[in-house]
């Protein structure tokens, strides 16, 4: 018998496929892309996301930019569950 969640939902329905990522590009990063907002296939983490992003858009390899996942800046490999919003942010300075 398949494991049942407390509400009677089969476990296999709880673990559905990862959702696509919503990507938003800003500034000079957006200028290198055909669209400022686009969907991207699900990835396991930000390192895999970047690797596949560079394969899809090799012109981004020459640009320095930061990543934000669900509006939080990330500096290292961060796990992705699917459905996150990822922002590609150009370098910024100020005070």
Protein backbone atom coordinates (compact mmCIF):
# COMPACT_ATOMS: atom_id res chain seq x y z
CA UNK A 1 0.00 0.00 0.00
CA UNK A 2 1.28 3.44 -0.90
CA UNK A 3 2.09 5.83 1.94
CA UNK A 4 -0.75 8.27 2.55
CA UNK A 5 -0.20 11.86 3.65
CA UNK A 6 -2.31 12.94 6.63
CA UNK A 7 -4.88 14.47 4.31
CA UNK A 8 -5.12 11.31 2.25
CA UNK A 9 -2.89 12.49 -0.60
CA UNK A 10 -0.63 9.74 -1.97
CA UNK A 11 3.06 10.45 -1.36
CA UNK A 12 3.74 10.26 -5.10
CA UNK A 13 1.47 13.27 -5.64
CA UNK A 14 3.29 15.29 -2.99
CA UNK A 15 6.61 14.87 -4.83
CA UNK A 16 5.48 16.29 -8.16
CA UNK A 17 7.86 17.42 -10.88
CA UNK A 18 9.96 20.50 -10.26
CA UNK A 19 8.42 23.65 -11.67
CA UNK A 20 10.20 25.84 -14.17
CA UNK A 21 12.23 28.75 -12.88
CA UNK A 22 11.13 32.32 -13.54
CA UNK A 23 14.18 34.34 -14.57
CA UNK A 24 14.32 38.14 -14.59
CA UNK A 25 17.33 40.00 -15.99
CA UNK A 26 18.22 43.60 -15.20
CA UNK A 27 20.55 46.27 -16.56
CA UNK A 28 23.38 45.25 -18.84
CA UNK A 29 22.54 41.57 -18.28
CA UNK A 30 19.09 42.13 -19.78
CA UNK A 31 20.67 43.89 -22.76
CA UNK A 32 22.50 40.67 -23.71
CA UNK A 33 19.34 38.55 -23.68
CA UNK A 34 16.42 38.39 -26.11
CA UNK A 35 13.92 38.88 -23.23
CA UNK A 36 14.07 40.45 -19.79
CA UNK A 37 11.84 37.76 -18.29
CA UNK A 38 11.75 34.11 -19.31
CA UNK A 39 11.08 30.61 -18.01
CA UNK A 40 14.02 28.27 -17.56
CA UNK A 41 13.99 24.49 -17.06
CA UNK A 42 14.16 23.29 -13.44
CA UNK A 43 17.64 22.94 -11.94
CA UNK A 44 18.86 21.28 -8.75
CA UNK A 45 20.92 24.26 -7.56
CA UNK A 46 22.30 27.64 -8.61
CA UNK A 47 25.56 26.12 -9.88
CA UNK A 48 23.63 23.89 -12.31
CA UNK A 49 21.44 26.86 -13.23
CA UNK A 50 24.48 29.00 -14.11
CA UNK A 51 26.17 26.20 -16.07
CA UNK A 52 23.06 25.69 -18.18
CA UNK A 53 22.38 29.41 -18.49
CA UNK A 54 25.89 29.88 -19.95
CA UNK A 55 25.25 27.02 -22.40
CA UNK A 56 22.02 28.67 -23.53
CA UNK A 57 23.41 32.23 -23.51
CA UNK A 58 27.22 32.09 -23.91
CA UNK A 59 27.40 35.88 -24.20
CA UNK A 60 26.73 36.08 -20.44
CA UNK A 61 30.08 34.45 -19.63
CA UNK A 62 31.85 37.78 -20.16
CA UNK A 63 29.58 39.72 -17.79
CA UNK A 64 29.85 39.89 -14.03
CA UNK A 65 26.46 39.63 -12.34
CA UNK A 66 24.89 38.48 -9.10
CA UNK A 67 22.06 36.04 -8.51
CA UNK A 68 19.08 36.55 -6.27
CA UNK A 69 16.76 33.65 -5.51
CA UNK A 70 13.29 34.74 -4.42
CA UNK A 71 14.65 38.25 -3.80
CA UNK A 72 17.59 37.14 -1.64
CA UNK A 73 21.15 37.54 -2.90
CA UNK A 74 23.08 34.27 -3.01
CA UNK A 75 26.87 33.99 -3.18
CA UNK A 76 27.34 30.26 -3.19
CA UNK A 77 25.72 27.09 -4.44
CA UNK A 78 22.10 27.20 -3.29
CA UNK A 79 19.58 24.37 -3.62
CA UNK A 80 16.54 24.98 -5.82
CA UNK A 81 13.21 23.27 -5.30
CA UNK A 82 11.53 24.50 -8.49
CA UNK A 83 9.29 27.47 -9.12
CA UNK A 84 11.74 30.02 -7.72
CA UNK A 85 12.22 33.47 -9.17
CA UNK A 86 15.85 34.07 -10.10
CA UNK A 87 17.08 37.59 -10.76
CA UNK A 88 20.23 38.26 -12.77
CA UNK A 89 21.56 41.49 -11.28
CA UNK A 90 24.29 43.66 -12.78
CA UNK A 91 27.10 44.95 -10.54
CA UNK A 92 25.93 47.80 -8.40
CA UNK A 93 27.62 50.28 -6.15
CA UNK A 94 26.60 53.22 -4.10
CA UNK A 95 26.41 54.51 -0.66
